[in-house]
Amino acid sequence: MEGKREAEQVSVFVSKYKEKAALNQYWYSPKTIEVIVKEVELVAKKVAFLSTPSIYFSLSDAAIKKESYVFDLDTQFACGSNFVQYDFNKPTDIPTSLWHSFDCVVIDPPFITADVWKKYGATVTALLRPQGKIILTSTHENAELLHSLFAVTPQLFSPSVPHLVYQYRLYCNYPSTFFSEPNPEIGD
């Protein structure tokens, strides 16, 4: 029953919100969204979703969704009070009432340059509680940079992003349950 509810949440998001190439919005596959949601709901209670609306809107745990926030530039996601319009060029221009209040952040920036990642790093520092969990996606070429900024390591699970021309890796800063297996959607 729970798996069906998760699939329905993902389906609603994917059908309601179309990708916007002008904003570098490319959604994960439904299966990838389900796996990331399962991991988030296992390890966190209050999550900051930085440029990851597909994960926030696909949460199946109502209590976690109520406590969590989606941070995004695109105001189409501004339904309810748990939306913060977020511009990574102003990384700490976020409500101070949210500083150091999240036990997890999930990040998928529209650009993956070192400069952009450093700006997201400033946001993570502002939002995350001590010993908070970090989940993010980027290319394997950014592994060293991401480790230095966030102490994350690549996981066996790689996200499927159907309309993205290159393959991303998934990284986190803790021993993961659902990211410890390869994604069957990704061929070798």
N, C-alpha and C. Protein backbone atom coordinates (compact mmCIF):
# COMPACT_ATOMS: atom_id res chain seq x y z
N MET A 1 0.82 -1.20 0.00
CA MET A 1 0.00 0.00 0.00
C MET A 1 0.86 1.26 0.00
N GLU A 2 1.92 1.25 0.85
CA GLU A 2 2.78 2.43 0.93
C GLU A 2 3.50 2.67 -0.39
N GLY A 3 3.97 1.61 -1.04
CA GLY A 3 4.63 1.76 -2.32
C GLY A 3 3.72 2.36 -3.37
N LYS A 4 2.44 1.97 -3.33
CA LYS A 4 1.47 2.53 -4.26
C LYS A 4 1.27 4.02 -4.01
N ARG A 5 1.19 4.40 -2.75
CA ARG A 5 1.02 5.82 -2.40
C ARG A 5 2.22 6.64 -2.87
N GLU A 6 3.43 6.10 -2.68
CA GLU A 6 4.64 6.79 -3.15
C GLU A 6 4.61 6.97 -4.66
N ALA A 7 4.24 5.92 -5.38
CA ALA A 7 4.17 5.99 -6.84
C ALA A 7 3.14 7.03 -7.29
N GLU A 8 2.02 7.11 -6.58
CA GLU A 8 0.99 8.11 -6.92
C GLU A 8 1.52 9.52 -6.70
N GLN A 9 2.24 9.75 -5.61
CA GLN A 9 2.81 11.08 -5.34
C GLN A 9 3.77 11.48 -6.45
N VAL A 10 4.62 10.56 -6.86
CA VAL A 10 5.59 10.82 -7.92
C VAL A 10 4.86 11.12 -9.22
N SER A 11 3.86 10.31 -9.54
CA SER A 11 3.09 10.50 -10.77
C SER A 11 2.41 11.86 -10.81
N VAL A 12 1.87 12.30 -9.68
CA VAL A 12 1.23 13.61 -9.61
C VAL A 12 2.25 14.70 -9.92
N PHE A 13 3.42 14.63 -9.31
CA PHE A 13 4.44 15.65 -9.56
C PHE A 13 4.84 15.68 -11.03
N VAL A 14 5.20 14.54 -11.57
CA VAL A 14 5.70 14.47 -12.94
C VAL A 14 4.66 14.94 -13.95
N SER A 15 3.38 14.66 -13.70
CA SER A 15 2.34 15.10 -14.63
C SER A 15 1.98 16.57 -14.45
N LYS A 16 2.10 17.09 -13.24
CA LYS A 16 1.72 18.47 -12.96
C LYS A 16 2.79 19.48 -13.38
N TYR A 17 4.05 19.14 -13.16
CA TYR A 17 5.14 20.08 -13.40
C TYR A 17 6.01 19.60 -14.55
N LYS A 18 6.08 20.39 -15.58
CA LYS A 18 6.92 20.06 -16.73
C LYS A 18 8.31 20.66 -16.52
N GLU A 19 9.32 19.96 -17.02
CA GLU A 19 10.69 20.47 -16.95
C GLU A 19 10.81 21.78 -17.72
N LYS A 20 11.63 22.67 -17.20
CA LYS A 20 11.90 23.94 -17.89
C LYS A 20 13.39 24.01 -18.19
N ALA A 21 13.73 23.78 -19.44
CA ALA A 21 15.14 23.78 -19.84
C ALA A 21 15.79 25.13 -19.56
N ALA A 22 15.04 26.21 -19.67
CA ALA A 22 15.61 27.55 -19.42
C ALA A 22 16.09 27.70 -17.98
N LEU A 23 15.51 26.93 -17.07
CA LEU A 23 15.92 26.96 -15.66
C LEU A 23 16.79 25.75 -15.30
N ASN A 24 17.19 24.98 -16.32
CA ASN A 24 17.95 23.74 -16.10
C ASN A 24 17.20 22.79 -15.17
N GLN A 25 15.90 22.69 -15.36
CA GLN A 25 15.08 21.75 -14.59
C GLN A 25 14.98 20.44 -15.36
N TYR A 26 15.52 19.40 -14.78
CA TYR A 26 15.42 18.07 -15.35
C TYR A 26 15.07 17.13 -14.21
N TRP A 27 13.91 16.49 -14.30
CA TRP A 27 13.44 15.66 -13.19
C TRP A 27 14.10 14.28 -13.23
N TYR A 28 14.27 13.75 -12.03
CA TYR A 28 14.70 12.36 -11.90
C TYR A 28 13.59 11.46 -12.45
N SER A 29 13.95 10.24 -12.78
CA SER A 29 12.94 9.26 -13.20
C SER A 29 12.04 8.96 -12.00
N PRO A 30 10.81 8.49 -12.25
CA PRO A 30 9.93 8.13 -11.14
C PRO A 30 10.56 7.13 -10.16
N LYS A 31 11.27 6.14 -10.67
CA LYS A 31 11.91 5.14 -9.80
C LYS A 31 12.99 5.79 -8.93
N THR A 32 13.79 6.68 -9.51
CA THR A 32 14.82 7.38 -8.75
C THR A 32 14.18 8.25 -7.67
N ILE A 33 13.11 8.95 -8.02
CA ILE A 33 12.41 9.77 -7.02
C ILE A 33 11.95 8.90 -5.86
N GLU A 34 11.37 7.75 -6.16
CA GLU A 34 10.88 6.85 -5.11
C GLU A 34 12.01 6.42 -4.17
N VAL A 35 13.17 6.08 -4.73
CA VAL A 35 14.30 5.64 -3.90
C VAL A 35 14.80 6.78 -3.01
N ILE A 36 14.94 7.97 -3.57
CA ILE A 36 15.41 9.11 -2.77
C ILE A 36 14.40 9.44 -1.68
N VAL A 37 13.12 9.40 -2.01
CA VAL A 37 12.08 9.66 -1.00
C VAL A 37 12.16 8.64 0.13
N LYS A 38 12.32 7.37 -0.20
CA LYS A 38 12.43 6.33 0.84
C LYS A 38 13.60 6.62 1.77
N GLU A 39 14.74 6.98 1.20
CA GLU A 39 15.92 7.28 2.02
C GLU A 39 15.67 8.49 2.91
N VAL A 40 15.14 9.55 2.34
CA VAL A 40 14.86 10.77 3.11
C VAL A 40 13.91 10.46 4.26
N GLU A 41 12.86 9.73 3.98
CA GLU A 41 11.87 9.44 5.01
C GLU A 41 12.41 8.50 6.09
N LEU A 42 13.45 7.76 5.77
CA LEU A 42 14.10 6.89 6.75
C LEU A 42 15.02 7.67 7.68
N VAL A 43 15.73 8.67 7.15
CA VAL A 43 16.81 9.30 7.92
C VAL A 43 16.50 10.69 8.46
N ALA A 44 15.36 11.28 8.12
CA ALA A 44 15.15 12.69 8.48
C ALA A 44 13.72 12.96 8.95
N LYS A 45 13.58 14.06 9.67
CA LYS A 45 12.27 14.54 10.12
C LYS A 45 11.96 15.93 9.59
N LYS A 46 13.00 16.73 9.35
CA LYS A 46 12.83 18.09 8.83
C LYS A 46 13.91 18.32 7.78
N VAL A 47 13.48 18.49 6.53
CA VAL A 47 14.41 18.48 5.40
C VAL A 47 14.32 19.78 4.61
N ALA A 48 15.47 20.30 4.21
CA ALA A 48 15.55 21.42 3.28
C ALA A 48 15.82 20.83 1.90
N PHE A 49 14.89 21.01 0.99
CA PHE A 49 15.03 20.52 -0.38
C PHE A 49 15.50 21.69 -1.25
N LEU A 50 16.81 21.73 -1.51
CA LEU A 50 17.41 22.81 -2.28
C LEU A 50 17.40 22.46 -3.76
N SER A 51 16.56 23.13 -4.51
CA SER A 51 16.43 22.90 -5.96
C SER A 51 16.05 21.45 -6.26
N THR A 52 15.27 20.85 -5.38
CA THR A 52 14.80 19.47 -5.57
C THR A 52 13.29 19.37 -5.32
N PRO A 53 12.49 20.11 -6.06
CA PRO A 53 11.05 20.07 -5.82
C PRO A 53 10.44 18.69 -6.08
N SER A 54 11.01 17.94 -7.01
CA SER A 54 10.43 16.63 -7.32
C SER A 54 10.47 15.70 -6.11
N ILE A 55 11.46 15.85 -5.27
CA ILE A 55 11.55 15.01 -4.07
C ILE A 55 10.58 15.52 -3.01
N TYR A 56 10.58 16.82 -2.76
CA TYR A 56 9.67 17.39 -1.75
C TYR A 56 8.21 17.04 -2.06
N PHE A 57 7.78 17.28 -3.28
CA PHE A 57 6.37 17.06 -3.62
C PHE A 57 6.01 15.59 -3.74
N SER A 58 6.99 14.71 -3.72
CA SER A 58 6.73 13.28 -3.79
C SER A 58 6.80 12.59 -2.43
N LEU A 59 7.06 13.35 -1.37
CA LEU A 59 7.08 12.76 -0.03
C LEU A 59 5.74 12.10 0.26
N SER A 60 5.78 10.93 0.87
CA SER A 60 4.54 10.25 1.26
C SER A 60 4.26 10.40 2.75
N ASP A 61 5.26 10.76 3.54
CA ASP A 61 5.09 10.95 4.98
C ASP A 61 4.62 12.39 5.24
N ALA A 62 3.36 12.53 5.61
CA ALA A 62 2.76 13.86 5.80
C ALA A 62 3.45 14.65 6.90
N ALA A 63 3.90 13.98 7.96
CA ALA A 63 4.56 14.68 9.07
C ALA A 63 5.89 15.29 8.62
N ILE A 64 6.65 14.54 7.85
CA ILE A 64 7.92 15.06 7.34
C ILE A 64 7.66 16.20 6.36
N LYS A 65 6.69 16.04 5.49
CA LYS A 65 6.38 17.09 4.51
C LYS A 65 5.95 18.37 5.21
N LYS A 66 5.19 18.25 6.28
CA LYS A 66 4.72 19.43 7.02
C LYS A 66 5.88 20.21 7.64
N GLU A 67 6.93 19.51 8.05
CA GLU A 67 8.08 20.14 8.71
C GLU A 67 9.15 20.61 7.72
N SER A 68 9.10 20.14 6.49
CA SER A 68 10.15 20.39 5.51
C SER A 68 9.81 21.57 4.61
N TYR A 69 10.84 22.04 3.89
CA TYR A 69 10.69 23.20 3.00
C TYR A 69 11.33 22.92 1.66
N VAL A 70 10.74 23.48 0.61
CA VAL A 70 11.35 23.45 -0.71
C VAL A 70 11.89 24.85 -1.00
N PHE A 71 13.16 24.90 -1.37
CA PHE A 71 13.86 26.14 -1.70
C PHE A 71 14.11 26.12 -3.21
N ASP A 72 13.50 27.04 -3.94
CA ASP A 72 13.64 27.02 -5.39
C ASP A 72 13.41 28.41 -5.96
N LEU A 73 14.04 28.68 -7.08
CA LEU A 73 13.86 29.96 -7.77
C LEU A 73 12.49 30.05 -8.43
N ASP A 74 11.99 28.92 -8.90
CA ASP A 74 10.75 28.85 -9.67
C ASP A 74 9.53 28.95 -8.75
N THR A 75 8.78 30.03 -8.88
CA THR A 75 7.64 30.27 -7.98
C THR A 75 6.43 29.38 -8.29
N GLN A 76 6.48 28.58 -9.33
CA GLN A 76 5.37 27.65 -9.56
C GLN A 76 5.26 26.65 -8.40
N PHE A 77 6.32 26.51 -7.61
CA PHE A 77 6.29 25.59 -6.48
C PHE A 77 5.84 26.26 -5.19
N ALA A 78 5.41 27.50 -5.27
CA ALA A 78 5.03 28.29 -4.09
C ALA A 78 3.60 28.01 -3.64
N CYS A 79 3.29 26.77 -3.44
CA CYS A 79 1.97 26.44 -2.91
C CYS A 79 2.16 26.07 -1.44
N GLY A 80 1.50 26.80 -0.58
CA GLY A 80 1.65 26.57 0.85
C GLY A 80 2.77 27.42 1.43
N SER A 81 2.91 27.31 2.73
CA SER A 81 3.88 28.16 3.43
C SER A 81 5.27 27.54 3.51
N ASN A 82 5.46 26.35 2.97
CA ASN A 82 6.75 25.68 3.07
C ASN A 82 7.60 25.87 1.83
N PHE A 83 7.43 27.00 1.17
CA PHE A 83 8.22 27.36 0.00
C PHE A 83 9.05 28.59 0.33
N VAL A 84 10.33 28.55 -0.05
CA VAL A 84 11.20 29.71 0.07
C VAL A 84 11.77 29.96 -1.31
N GLN A 85 11.53 31.16 -1.84
CA GLN A 85 12.15 31.48 -3.13
C GLN A 85 13.65 31.62 -2.89
N TYR A 86 14.40 30.83 -3.62
CA TYR A 86 15.83 30.69 -3.36
C TYR A 86 16.63 30.94 -4.63
N ASP A 87 17.58 31.84 -4.53
CA ASP A 87 18.51 32.14 -5.61
C ASP A 87 19.91 31.79 -5.10
N PHE A 88 20.54 30.79 -5.70
CA PHE A 88 21.85 30.37 -5.20
C PHE A 88 22.89 31.47 -5.27
N ASN A 89 22.64 32.51 -6.06
CA ASN A 89 23.57 33.65 -6.10
C ASN A 89 23.49 34.51 -4.84
N LYS A 90 22.47 34.28 -4.04
CA LYS A 90 22.31 34.94 -2.74
C LYS A 90 22.13 33.83 -1.70
N PRO A 91 23.19 33.07 -1.45
CA PRO A 91 23.06 31.80 -0.72
C PRO A 91 22.54 31.90 0.71
N THR A 92 22.71 33.03 1.36
CA THR A 92 22.20 33.13 2.74
C THR A 92 21.03 34.09 2.84
N ASP A 93 20.44 34.45 1.71
CA ASP A 93 19.26 35.30 1.69
C ASP A 93 18.02 34.42 1.88
N ILE A 94 17.95 33.85 3.05
CA ILE A 94 16.86 32.96 3.44
C ILE A 94 16.43 33.35 4.85
N PRO A 95 15.21 33.05 5.22
CA PRO A 95 14.75 33.46 6.56
C PRO A 95 15.65 32.93 7.67
N THR A 96 16.11 33.81 8.53
CA THR A 96 16.99 33.38 9.63
C THR A 96 16.26 32.45 10.60
N SER A 97 14.95 32.49 10.59
CA SER A 97 14.19 31.57 11.45
C SER A 97 14.40 30.11 11.05
N LEU A 98 14.90 29.88 9.84
CA LEU A 98 15.14 28.52 9.36
C LEU A 98 16.60 28.09 9.53
N TRP A 99 17.46 29.01 9.93
CA TRP A 99 18.87 28.67 10.08
C TRP A 99 19.06 27.58 11.13
N HIS A 100 19.91 26.63 10.80
CA HIS A 100 20.30 25.54 11.70
C HIS A 100 19.08 24.77 12.23
N SER A 101 18.06 24.62 11.39
CA SER A 101 16.84 23.96 11.85
C SER A 101 16.54 22.65 11.12
N PHE A 102 17.37 22.26 10.17
CA PHE A 102 17.10 21.07 9.37
C PHE A 102 18.07 19.94 9.73
N ASP A 103 17.54 18.72 9.80
CA ASP A 103 18.42 17.58 10.06
C ASP A 103 18.91 16.92 8.78
N CYS A 104 18.45 17.42 7.63
CA CYS A 104 18.88 16.88 6.34
C CYS A 104 18.68 17.94 5.26
N VAL A 105 19.58 17.95 4.29
CA VAL A 105 19.40 18.75 3.07
C VAL A 105 19.55 17.83 1.86
N VAL A 106 18.74 18.08 0.86
CA VAL A 106 18.81 17.36 -0.41
C VAL A 106 19.05 18.41 -1.48
N ILE A 107 20.09 18.20 -2.30
CA ILE A 107 20.54 19.24 -3.22
C ILE A 107 20.71 18.70 -4.64
N ASP A 108 20.17 19.44 -5.60
CA ASP A 108 20.39 19.16 -7.02
C ASP A 108 20.40 20.50 -7.76
N PRO A 109 21.54 21.18 -7.77
CA PRO A 109 21.59 22.52 -8.35
C PRO A 109 21.41 22.53 -9.87
N PRO A 110 20.99 23.67 -10.40
CA PRO A 110 20.81 23.77 -11.85
C PRO A 110 22.14 23.80 -12.61
N PHE A 111 23.21 24.15 -11.93
CA PHE A 111 24.55 24.18 -12.51
C PHE A 111 25.50 23.49 -11.54
N ILE A 112 26.56 22.87 -12.06
CA ILE A 112 27.42 22.06 -11.20
C ILE A 112 28.87 22.53 -11.20
N THR A 113 29.08 23.82 -11.42
CA THR A 113 30.43 24.38 -11.38
C THR A 113 30.87 24.53 -9.92
N ALA A 114 32.17 24.66 -9.71
CA ALA A 114 32.70 24.83 -8.36
C ALA A 114 32.12 26.06 -7.69
N ASP A 115 32.00 27.15 -8.43
CA ASP A 115 31.45 28.39 -7.86
C ASP A 115 30.02 28.19 -7.36
N VAL A 116 29.21 27.50 -8.14
CA VAL A 116 27.82 27.25 -7.74
C VAL A 116 27.79 26.34 -6.51
N TRP A 117 28.60 25.28 -6.51
CA TRP A 117 28.62 24.38 -5.36
C TRP A 117 29.06 25.10 -4.09
N LYS A 118 29.99 26.02 -4.20
CA LYS A 118 30.42 26.78 -3.01
C LYS A 118 29.27 27.63 -2.48
N LYS A 119 28.46 28.18 -3.36
CA LYS A 119 27.30 28.96 -2.92
C LYS A 119 26.28 28.05 -2.23
N TYR A 120 26.04 26.89 -2.78
CA TYR A 120 25.15 25.93 -2.11
C TYR A 120 25.75 25.52 -0.76
N GLY A 121 27.06 25.44 -0.70
CA GLY A 121 27.72 25.12 0.57
C GLY A 121 27.41 26.15 1.64
N ALA A 122 27.38 27.43 1.27
CA ALA A 122 27.03 28.48 2.23
C ALA A 122 25.60 28.32 2.71
N THR A 123 24.71 27.92 1.80
CA THR A 123 23.32 27.70 2.18
C THR A 123 23.21 26.51 3.13
N VAL A 124 23.91 25.44 2.83
CA VAL A 124 23.89 24.25 3.69
C VAL A 124 24.40 24.61 5.09
N THR A 125 25.48 25.36 5.16
CA THR A 125 26.02 25.78 6.46
C THR A 125 24.98 26.57 7.25
N ALA A 126 24.23 27.40 6.56
CA ALA A 126 23.20 28.21 7.24
C ALA A 126 22.02 27.36 7.70
N LEU A 127 21.62 26.37 6.93
CA LEU A 127 20.39 25.64 7.22
C LEU A 127 20.55 24.40 8.08
N LEU A 128 21.67 23.71 7.94
CA LEU A 128 21.81 22.38 8.54
C LEU A 128 22.20 22.43 10.01
N ARG A 129 21.58 21.56 10.78
CA ARG A 129 21.97 21.37 12.18
C ARG A 129 23.31 20.63 12.23
N PRO A 130 24.03 20.72 13.36
CA PRO A 130 25.26 19.92 13.49
C PRO A 130 24.96 18.43 13.29
N GLN A 131 25.85 17.74 12.65
CA GLN A 131 25.72 16.32 12.32
C GLN A 131 24.54 16.03 11.39
N GLY A 132 24.08 17.04 10.67
CA GLY A 132 22.98 16.84 9.73
C GLY A 132 23.41 16.01 8.53
N LYS A 133 22.44 15.42 7.89
CA LYS A 133 22.69 14.57 6.74
C LYS A 133 22.58 15.38 5.44
N ILE A 134 23.44 15.02 4.49
CA ILE A 134 23.48 15.69 3.20
C ILE A 134 23.33 14.63 2.10
N ILE A 135 22.40 14.88 1.19
CA ILE A 135 22.18 14.05 0.02
C ILE A 135 22.25 14.98 -1.18
N LEU A 136 23.06 14.64 -2.18
CA LEU A 136 23.15 15.51 -3.35
C LEU A 136 23.49 14.70 -4.59
N THR A 137 23.27 15.32 -5.74
CA THR A 137 23.62 14.68 -7.00
C THR A 137 24.48 15.62 -7.83
N SER A 138 25.44 15.02 -8.52
CA SER A 138 26.33 15.75 -9.42
C SER A 138 27.08 14.73 -10.26
N THR A 139 28.01 15.19 -11.05
CA THR A 139 28.81 14.29 -11.87
C THR A 139 29.95 13.69 -11.06
N HIS A 140 30.52 12.60 -11.58
CA HIS A 140 31.65 11.98 -10.88
C HIS A 140 32.88 12.89 -10.89
N GLU A 141 32.97 13.79 -11.87
CA GLU A 141 34.10 14.72 -11.93
C GLU A 141 34.13 15.67 -10.73
N ASN A 142 33.00 15.85 -10.07
CA ASN A 142 32.93 16.76 -8.92
C ASN A 142 33.16 16.06 -7.58
N ALA A 143 33.49 14.78 -7.59
CA ALA A 143 33.60 14.02 -6.35
C ALA A 143 34.56 14.65 -5.34
N GLU A 144 35.74 15.04 -5.78
CA GLU A 144 36.73 15.63 -4.87
C GLU A 144 36.24 16.96 -4.30
N LEU A 145 35.71 17.82 -5.15
CA LEU A 145 35.17 19.10 -4.70
C LEU A 145 34.04 18.89 -3.68
N LEU A 146 33.13 18.00 -3.99
CA LEU A 146 31.99 17.76 -3.10
C LEU A 146 32.43 17.17 -1.77
N HIS A 147 33.44 16.31 -1.81
CA HIS A 147 33.96 15.77 -0.55
C HIS A 147 34.56 16.89 0.30
N SER A 148 35.29 17.80 -0.34
CA SER A 148 35.91 18.89 0.43
C SER A 148 34.87 19.87 0.98
N LEU A 149 33.79 20.09 0.27
CA LEU A 149 32.76 21.03 0.73
C LEU A 149 31.79 20.42 1.74
N PHE A 150 31.41 19.14 1.51
CA PHE A 150 30.31 18.55 2.27
C PHE A 150 30.66 17.24 2.98
N ALA A 151 31.88 16.74 2.80
CA ALA A 151 32.30 15.44 3.36
C ALA A 151 31.40 14.30 2.87
N VAL A 152 30.96 14.40 1.61
CA VAL A 152 30.13 13.36 1.02
C VAL A 152 30.98 12.40 0.20
N THR A 153 30.46 11.20 0.03
CA THR A 153 31.12 10.20 -0.81
C THR A 153 30.11 9.65 -1.81
N PRO A 154 30.60 9.20 -2.98
CA PRO A 154 29.68 8.63 -3.97
C PRO A 154 29.07 7.33 -3.48
N GLN A 155 27.83 7.10 -3.86
CA GLN A 155 27.10 5.90 -3.48
C GLN A 155 26.97 4.96 -4.68
N LEU A 156 26.61 3.72 -4.43
CA LEU A 156 26.41 2.77 -5.53
C LEU A 156 25.21 3.16 -6.38
N PHE A 157 24.17 3.68 -5.74
CA PHE A 157 22.98 4.10 -6.46
C PHE A 157 23.27 5.38 -7.24
N SER A 158 23.02 5.35 -8.54
CA SER A 158 23.14 6.54 -9.38
C SER A 158 21.74 6.93 -9.84
N PRO A 159 21.42 8.22 -9.80
CA PRO A 159 20.08 8.63 -10.20
C PRO A 159 19.89 8.58 -11.71
N SER A 160 18.70 8.23 -12.13
CA SER A 160 18.35 8.32 -13.54
C SER A 160 17.67 9.66 -13.77
N VAL A 161 18.20 10.42 -14.72
CA VAL A 161 17.62 11.71 -15.12
C VAL A 161 17.42 11.61 -16.63
N PRO A 162 16.23 11.17 -17.07
CA PRO A 162 16.03 10.81 -18.48
C PRO A 162 16.40 11.87 -19.51
N HIS A 163 16.20 13.14 -19.21
CA HIS A 163 16.45 14.17 -20.22
C HIS A 163 17.78 14.90 -20.03
N LEU A 164 18.64 14.35 -19.20
CA LEU A 164 19.96 14.93 -18.99
C LEU A 164 20.96 14.15 -19.84
N VAL A 165 21.86 14.85 -20.50
CA VAL A 165 22.75 14.19 -21.46
C VAL A 165 23.93 13.47 -20.82
N TYR A 166 24.21 13.72 -19.55
CA TYR A 166 25.32 13.04 -18.89
C TYR A 166 24.81 12.39 -17.60
N GLN A 167 25.60 11.44 -17.10
CA GLN A 167 25.18 10.66 -15.94
C GLN A 167 25.61 11.30 -14.63
N TYR A 168 24.69 11.43 -13.73
CA TYR A 168 24.97 11.93 -12.39
C TYR A 168 25.30 10.78 -11.45
N ARG A 169 25.94 11.15 -10.35
CA ARG A 169 26.17 10.24 -9.22
C ARG A 169 25.40 10.78 -8.03
N LEU A 170 25.11 9.94 -7.10
CA LEU A 170 24.47 10.35 -5.86
C LEU A 170 25.51 10.28 -4.75
N TYR A 171 25.53 11.30 -3.90
CA TYR A 171 26.50 11.42 -2.82
C TYR A 171 25.76 11.64 -1.50
N CYS A 172 26.34 11.14 -0.41
CA CYS A 172 25.82 11.49 0.91
C CYS A 172 26.95 11.42 1.94
N ASN A 173 26.68 11.96 3.12
CA ASN A 173 27.72 12.07 4.15
C ASN A 173 27.49 11.11 5.32
N TYR A 174 26.80 10.01 5.07
CA TYR A 174 26.49 9.04 6.12
C TYR A 174 26.30 7.67 5.46
N PRO A 175 26.31 6.60 6.23
CA PRO A 175 26.06 5.27 5.65
C PRO A 175 24.58 5.15 5.25
N SER A 176 24.34 4.96 3.99
CA SER A 176 22.98 4.96 3.46
C SER A 176 22.40 3.55 3.35
N THR A 177 21.09 3.47 3.51
CA THR A 177 20.38 2.21 3.34
C THR A 177 20.00 1.99 1.88
N PHE A 178 19.25 2.92 1.31
CA PHE A 178 18.70 2.74 -0.03
C PHE A 178 19.67 3.11 -1.15
N PHE A 179 20.75 3.79 -0.85
CA PHE A 179 21.72 4.16 -1.88
C PHE A 179 22.88 3.17 -1.96
N SER A 180 22.79 2.06 -1.24
CA SER A 180 23.89 1.08 -1.20
C SER A 180 23.76 0.01 -2.28
N GLU A 181 22.73 0.11 -3.11
CA GLU A 181 22.54 -0.82 -4.22
C GLU A 181 22.54 -0.05 -5.54
N PRO A 182 23.07 -0.63 -6.61
CA PRO A 182 23.03 0.06 -7.91
C PRO A 182 21.58 0.27 -8.38
N ASN A 183 21.39 1.28 -9.18
CA ASN A 183 20.08 1.57 -9.77
C ASN A 183 19.92 0.70 -11.01
N PRO A 184 18.92 -0.20 -11.04
CA PRO A 184 18.75 -1.06 -12.22
C PRO A 184 18.41 -0.29 -13.50
N GLU A 185 18.00 0.97 -13.37
CA GLU A 185 17.70 1.79 -14.55
C GLU A 185 18.96 2.21 -15.29
N ILE A 186 20.10 2.19 -14.61
CA ILE A 186 21.35 2.66 -15.18
C ILE A 186 22.15 1.46 -15.66
N GLY A 187 22.43 1.41 -16.95
CA GLY A 187 23.24 0.32 -17.49
C GLY A 187 24.71 0.54 -17.22
N ASP A 188 25.49 -0.52 -17.25
CA ASP A 188 26.94 -0.41 -17.03
C ASP A 188 27.65 0.16 -18.22
